[in-house]
C-alpha atoms as a PDB file:
ATOM      1  CA  UNK A   1      96.793  80.190  21.151  1.00  0.00           C
ATOM      2  CA  UNK A   2      99.924  79.647  19.115  1.00  0.00           C
ATOM      3  CA  UNK A   3     100.539  83.248  17.922  1.00  0.00           C
ATOM      4  CA  UNK A   4     101.705  81.829  14.600  1.00  0.00           C
ATOM      5  CA  UNK A   5     103.137  84.685  12.564  1.00  0.00           C
ATOM      6  CA  UNK A   6     103.350  86.943  15.613  1.00  0.00           C
ATOM      7  CA  UNK A   7     105.897  85.494  18.063  1.00  0.00           C
ATOM      8  CA  UNK A   8     109.301  83.912  17.762  1.00  0.00           C
ATOM      9  CA  UNK A   9     112.443  85.008  15.900  1.00  0.00           C
ATOM     10  CA  UNK A  10     110.937  83.935  12.582  1.00  0.00           C
ATOM     11  CA  UNK A  11     107.256  84.220  13.527  1.00  0.00           C
ATOM     12  CA  UNK A  12     106.601  80.531  14.101  1.00  0.00           C
ATOM     13  CA  UNK A  13     104.641  81.184  17.283  1.00  0.00           C
ATOM     14  CA  UNK A  14     104.915  80.303  20.948  1.00  0.00           C
ATOM     15  CA  UNK A  15     106.646  76.987  20.296  1.00  0.00           C
ATOM     16  CA  UNK A  16     109.555  78.760  18.601  1.00  0.00           C
ATOM     17  CA  UNK A  17     109.448  81.682  21.067  1.00  0.00           C
ATOM     18  CA  UNK A  18     109.873  79.421  24.109  1.00  0.00           C
ATOM     19  CA  UNK A  19     112.264  77.027  22.347  1.00  0.00           C
ATOM     20  CA  UNK A  20     109.947  74.025  22.647  1.00  0.00           C
ATOM     21  CA  UNK A  21     109.703  70.981  20.446  1.00  0.00           C
ATOM     22  CA  UNK A  22     106.349  71.055  18.624  1.00  0.00           C
ATOM     23  CA  UNK A  23     105.993  67.313  19.234  1.00  0.00           C
ATOM     24  CA  UNK A  24     105.834  68.016  22.980  1.00  0.00           C
ATOM     25  CA  UNK A  25     102.709  70.176  22.559  1.00  0.00           C
ATOM     26  CA  UNK A  26      99.439  68.243  22.765  1.00  0.00           C
ATOM     27  CA  UNK A  27      97.134  70.812  21.163  1.00  0.00           C
ATOM     28  CA  UNK A  28      98.005  73.720  18.868  1.00  0.00           C
ATOM     29  CA  UNK A  29      95.219  76.099  17.985  1.00  0.00           C
ATOM     30  CA  UNK A  30      94.844  79.622  16.765  1.00  0.00           C
ATOM     31  CA  UNK A  31      93.114  82.106  14.550  1.00  0.00           C
ATOM     32  CA  UNK A  32      93.824  83.019  10.968  1.00  0.00           C
ATOM     33  CA  UNK A  33      92.375  86.522  11.285  1.00  0.00           C
ATOM     34  CA  UNK A  34      95.370  88.408  12.661  1.00  0.00           C
ATOM     35  CA  UNK A  35      98.649  87.128  11.199  1.00  0.00           C
ATOM     36  CA  UNK A  36      97.149  85.817   7.987  1.00  0.00           C
ATOM     37  CA  UNK A  37      94.534  88.499   7.218  1.00  0.00           C
ATOM     38  CA  UNK A  38      92.091  85.672   6.577  1.00  0.00           C
ATOM     39  CA  UNK A  39      89.085  84.062   8.254  1.00  0.00           C
ATOM     40  CA  UNK A  40      88.798  80.952  10.375  1.00  0.00           C
ATOM     41  CA  UNK A  41      91.064  79.104  12.706  1.00  0.00           C
ATOM     42  CA  UNK A  42      92.864  75.845  13.183  1.00  0.00           C
ATOM     43  CA  UNK A  43      93.504  73.092  15.679  1.00  0.00           C
ATOM     44  CA  UNK A  44      96.343  70.618  15.450  1.00  0.00           C
ATOM     45  CA  UNK A  45      97.305  67.569  17.438  1.00  0.00           C
ATOM     46  CA  UNK A  46      97.593  63.823  17.233  1.00  0.00           C
ATOM     47  CA  UNK A  47      95.462  61.920  14.766  1.00  0.00           C
ATOM     48  CA  UNK A  48      93.398  60.549  17.677  1.00  0.00           C
ATOM     49  CA  UNK A  49      92.769  64.041  19.064  1.00  0.00           C
ATOM     50  CA  UNK A  50      91.725  65.467  15.704  1.00  0.00           C
ATOM     51  CA  UNK A  51      89.428  62.504  15.089  1.00  0.00           C
ATOM     52  CA  UNK A  52      87.852  63.064  18.531  1.00  0.00           C
ATOM     53  CA  UNK A  53      87.285  66.748  17.738  1.00  0.00           C
ATOM     54  CA  UNK A  54      85.760  65.907  14.355  1.00  0.00           C
ATOM     55  CA  UNK A  55      83.379  63.368  15.855  1.00  0.00           C
ATOM     56  CA  UNK A  56      82.392  65.179  19.051  1.00  0.00           C
ATOM     57  CA  UNK A  57      82.317  68.924  18.412  1.00  0.00           C
ATOM     58  CA  UNK A  58      79.713  71.129  16.788  1.00  0.00           C
ATOM     59  CA  UNK A  59      82.192  72.690  14.341  1.00  0.00           C
ATOM     60  CA  UNK A  60      82.171  69.967  11.695  1.00  0.00           C
ATOM     61  CA  UNK A  61      78.374  69.736  11.858  1.00  0.00           C
ATOM     62  CA  UNK A  62      77.564  73.440  11.736  1.00  0.00           C
ATOM     63  CA  UNK A  63      80.721  75.072  10.403  1.00  0.00           C
ATOM     64  CA  UNK A  64      81.579  75.814   6.811  1.00  0.00           C
ATOM     65  CA  UNK A  65      84.694  74.789   4.962  1.00  0.00           C
ATOM     66  CA  UNK A  66      87.254  77.454   4.170  1.00  0.00           C
ATOM     67  CA  UNK A  67      86.866  78.927   0.708  1.00  0.00           C
ATOM     68  CA  UNK A  68      89.677  78.525  -1.852  1.00  0.00           C
ATOM     69  CA  UNK A  69      90.615  82.260  -1.754  1.00  0.00           C
ATOM     70  CA  UNK A  70      91.010  82.095   2.050  1.00  0.00           C
ATOM     71  CA  UNK A  71      93.177  78.985   1.745  1.00  0.00           C
ATOM     72  CA  UNK A  72      95.282  80.710  -0.930  1.00  0.00           C
ATOM     73  CA  UNK A  73      95.705  83.770   1.332  1.00  0.00           C
ATOM     74  CA  UNK A  74      96.870  81.637   4.268  1.00  0.00           C
ATOM     75  CA  UNK A  75      99.286  79.604   2.128  1.00  0.00           C
ATOM     76  CA  UNK A  76     100.710  82.758   0.550  1.00  0.00           C
ATOM     77  CA  UNK A  77     101.213  84.355   3.976  1.00  0.00           C
ATOM     78  CA  UNK A  78     102.868  81.195   5.329  1.00  0.00           C
ATOM     79  CA  UNK A  79     105.304  81.101   2.402  1.00  0.00           C
ATOM     80  CA  UNK A  80     106.318  84.696   3.125  1.00  0.00           C
ATOM     81  CA  UNK A  81     106.652  84.025   6.869  1.00  0.00           C
ATOM     82  CA  UNK A  82     108.825  80.973   6.268  1.00  0.00           C
ATOM     83  CA  UNK A  83     110.972  82.635   3.603  1.00  0.00           C
ATOM     84  CA  UNK A  84     109.768  80.237   0.924  1.00  0.00           C
ATOM     85  CA  UNK A  85     109.058  83.215  -1.333  1.00  0.00           C
ATOM     86  CA  UNK A  86     112.809  83.767  -1.719  1.00  0.00           C
ATOM     87  CA  UNK A  87     112.892  86.879   0.482  1.00  0.00           C
ATOM     88  CA  UNK A  88     113.544  87.724   4.112  1.00  0.00           C
ATOM     89  CA  UNK A  89     110.356  89.806   4.380  1.00  0.00           C
ATOM     90  CA  UNK A  90     108.769  87.404   6.870  1.00  0.00           C
ATOM     91  CA  UNK A  91     111.774  87.448   9.211  1.00  0.00           C
ATOM     92  CA  UNK A  92     112.065  91.249   9.001  1.00  0.00           C
ATOM     93  CA  UNK A  93     108.365  91.664   9.763  1.00  0.00           C
ATOM     94  CA  UNK A  94     108.651  89.341  12.782  1.00  0.00           C
ATOM     95  CA  UNK A  95     111.478  91.498  14.178  1.00  0.00           C
ATOM     96  CA  UNK A  96     109.581  94.739  13.499  1.00  0.00           C
ATOM     97  CA  UNK A  97     106.414  93.373  15.110  1.00  0.00           C
ATOM     98  CA  UNK A  98     108.393  92.524  18.242  1.00  0.00           C
ATOM     99  CA  UNK A  99     109.827  96.061  18.324  1.00  0.00           C
ATOM    100  CA  UNK A 100     106.373  97.594  17.863  1.00  0.00           C
ATOM    101  CA  UNK A 101     104.863  95.405  20.593  1.00  0.00           C
ATOM    102  CA  UNK A 102     107.512  96.291  23.152  1.00  0.00           C
ATOM    103  CA  UNK A 103     107.505  99.988  22.251  1.00  0.00           C
ATOM    104  CA  UNK A 104     103.719 100.422  22.385  1.00  0.00           C
ATOM    105  CA  UNK A 105     103.324  98.508  25.647  1.00  0.00           C
ATOM    106  CA  UNK A 106     106.128 100.527  27.246  1.00  0.00           C
ATOM    107  CA  UNK A 107     104.520 103.826  26.116  1.00  0.00           C
ATOM    108  CA  UNK A 108     101.114 102.926  27.543  1.00  0.00           C
ATOM    109  CA  UNK A 109     102.615 101.727  30.840  1.00  0.00           C
ATOM    110  CA  UNK A 110     104.646 104.948  31.145  1.00  0.00           C
ATOM    111  CA  UNK A 111     101.391 106.859  30.747  1.00  0.00           C
ATOM    112  CA  UNK A 112      99.918 104.979  33.712  1.00  0.00           C
ATOM    113  CA  UNK A 113      97.661 102.485  31.944  1.00  0.00           C
ATOM    114  CA  UNK A 114      97.293  98.932  33.240  1.00  0.00           C
ATOM    115  CA  UNK A 115      98.319  96.605  30.431  1.00  0.00           C
ATOM    116  CA  UNK A 116      97.823  92.835  30.535  1.00  0.00           C
ATOM    117  CA  UNK A 117      99.750  90.150  28.677  1.00  0.00           C
ATOM    118  CA  UNK A 118     103.339  89.339  27.814  1.00  0.00           C
ATOM    119  CA  UNK A 119     105.562  92.232  26.712  1.00  0.00           C
ATOM    120  CA  UNK A 120     106.275  90.575  23.366  1.00  0.00           C
ATOM    121  CA  UNK A 121     102.641  89.930  22.449  1.00  0.00           C
ATOM    122  CA  UNK A 122     101.260  92.071  19.608  1.00  0.00           C
ATOM    123  CA  UNK A 123      97.792  91.887  21.172  1.00  0.00           C
ATOM    124  CA  UNK A 124      97.815  94.659  23.784  1.00  0.00           C
ATOM    125  CA  UNK A 125      94.924  94.626  26.297  1.00  0.00           C
ATOM    126  CA  UNK A 126      94.412  97.981  28.034  1.00  0.00           C
ATOM    127  CA  UNK A 127      92.215  97.660  31.107  1.00  0.00           C
ATOM    128  CA  UNK A 128      89.191  99.953  31.390  1.00  0.00           C
ATOM    129  CA  UNK A 129      87.522  97.716  34.006  1.00  0.00           C
ATOM    130  CA  UNK A 130      83.883  98.701  33.387  1.00  0.00           C
ATOM    131  CA  UNK A 131      81.788  98.055  30.282  1.00  0.00           C
ATOM    132  CA  UNK A 132      80.584 101.670  30.156  1.00  0.00           C
ATOM    133  CA  UNK A 133      84.196 102.822  29.903  1.00  0.00           C
ATOM    134  CA  UNK A 134      84.899 100.287  27.154  1.00  0.00           C
ATOM    135  CA  UNK A 135      81.971 101.551  25.093  1.00  0.00           C
ATOM    136  CA  UNK A 136      82.940 105.206  25.600  1.00  0.00           C
ATOM    137  CA  UNK A 137      86.625 104.486  24.939  1.00  0.00           C
ATOM    138  CA  UNK A 138      85.954 102.614  21.702  1.00  0.00           C
ATOM    139  CA  UNK A 139      83.571 105.312  20.424  1.00  0.00           C
ATOM    140  CA  UNK A 140      86.044 108.089  21.196  1.00  0.00           C
ATOM    141  CA  UNK A 141      88.976 106.323  19.532  1.00  0.00           C
ATOM    142  CA  UNK A 142      86.894 105.564  16.437  1.00  0.00           C
ATOM    143  CA  UNK A 143      86.427 109.329  15.974  1.00  0.00           C
ATOM    144  CA  UNK A 144      90.222 109.533  15.624  1.00  0.00           C
ATOM    145  CA  UNK A 145      90.351 106.629  13.130  1.00  0.00           C
ATOM    146  CA  UNK A 146      91.795 104.213  15.680  1.00  0.00           C
ATOM    147  CA  UNK A 147      90.542 100.655  15.433  1.00  0.00           C
ATOM    148  CA  UNK A 148      90.517  98.378  18.461  1.00  0.00           C
ATOM    149  CA  UNK A 149      88.582  95.476  19.927  1.00  0.00           C
ATOM    150  CA  UNK A 150      86.298  96.231  22.876  1.00  0.00           C
ATOM    151  CA  UNK A 151      85.859  93.297  25.265  1.00  0.00           C
ATOM    152  CA  UNK A 152      83.483  93.206  28.208  1.00  0.00           C
ATOM    153  CA  UNK A 153      80.996  91.049  30.076  1.00  0.00           C
ATOM    154  CA  UNK A 154      80.143  88.208  29.432  1.00  0.00           C
ATOM    155  CA  UNK A 155      83.491  87.594  27.652  1.00  0.00           C
ATOM    156  CA  UNK A 156      85.288  88.960  30.738  1.00  0.00           C
ATOM    157  CA  UNK A 157      84.316  89.154  34.405  1.00  0.00           C
ATOM    158  CA  UNK A 158      82.022  92.121  35.114  1.00  0.00           C
ATOM    159  CA  UNK A 159      84.816  94.421  36.340  1.00  0.00           C
ATOM    160  CA  UNK A 160      87.593  93.279  33.964  1.00  0.00           C
ATOM    161  CA  UNK A 161      86.521  95.001  30.728  1.00  0.00           C
ATOM    162  CA  UNK A 162      89.305  96.005  28.360  1.00  0.00           C
ATOM    163  CA  UNK A 163      90.160  97.202  24.909  1.00  0.00           C
ATOM    164  CA  UNK A 164      92.650  95.311  22.782  1.00  0.00           C
ATOM    165  CA  UNK A 165      94.999  96.862  20.304  1.00  0.00           C
ATOM    166  CA  UNK A 166      96.197  94.432  17.630  1.00  0.00           C
ATOM    167  CA  UNK A 167      99.568  95.608  16.382  1.00  0.00           C
ATOM    168  CA  UNK A 168     101.147  95.073  13.002  1.00  0.00           C
ATOM    169  CA  UNK A 169     104.727  95.108  11.770  1.00  0.00           C
ATOM    170  CA  UNK A 170     103.608  97.785   9.328  1.00  0.00           C
ATOM    171  CA  UNK A 171     102.593 100.241  12.057  1.00  0.00           C
ATOM    172  CA  UNK A 172     105.059 103.107  12.247  1.00  0.00           C
ATOM    173  CA  UNK A 173     106.427 104.645  15.443  1.00  0.00           C
ATOM    174  CA  UNK A 174     104.508 107.804  14.540  1.00  0.00           C
ATOM    175  CA  UNK A 175     101.239 105.867  14.308  1.00  0.00           C
ATOM    176  CA  UNK A 176     101.868 104.167  17.654  1.00  0.00           C
ATOM    177  CA  UNK A 177     102.674 107.547  19.238  1.00  0.00           C
ATOM    178  CA  UNK A 178      99.490 109.014  17.737  1.00  0.00           C
ATOM    179  CA  UNK A 179      97.428 106.245  19.327  1.00  0.00           C
ATOM    180  CA  UNK A 180      99.131 106.563  22.714  1.00  0.00           C
ATOM    181  CA  UNK A 181      98.656 110.357  22.788  1.00  0.00           C
ATOM    182  CA  UNK A 182      95.056 110.081  21.590  1.00  0.00           C
ATOM    183  CA  UNK A 183      94.011 107.534  24.225  1.00  0.00           C
ATOM    184  CA  UNK A 184      95.580 109.618  26.979  1.00  0.00           C
END
């Protein structure tokens, strides 16, 4: 996953974050649901790779094309992220998202939770280990107006269930504290 819009000094993803040359990456893929508030995903690579995917995967046969409003949403978000809208909003949001990610992860770890993933990632998996705990955890947090993604078997091994918090640059410190105190 490229984490486009979520990692790197200007939000250009893992390639920018690790200081790589995009031409050295064989396959770039990701989702448009988190950073772009849209639907769908993408895969990028050489012309030969993309042609192979088009000819040999089920997506082109059974998938639907993106609608014009979704495309407009993604393009608008990309312009903001890249500063092509004439502002520095995208760069400021990338910095704030990094701060939020580090702060929230640190809070949960201090409270004794096992957290997976890189400290700079805005997707924060909190381990519950068993599917029954995931279900209970997600129901309890919903009562407090906290949204999260519950993940269990068969998407994870039987004893590796987790909940994932997806952070935003617009979350405030107070909101992150509320979540950390509520889950404790």
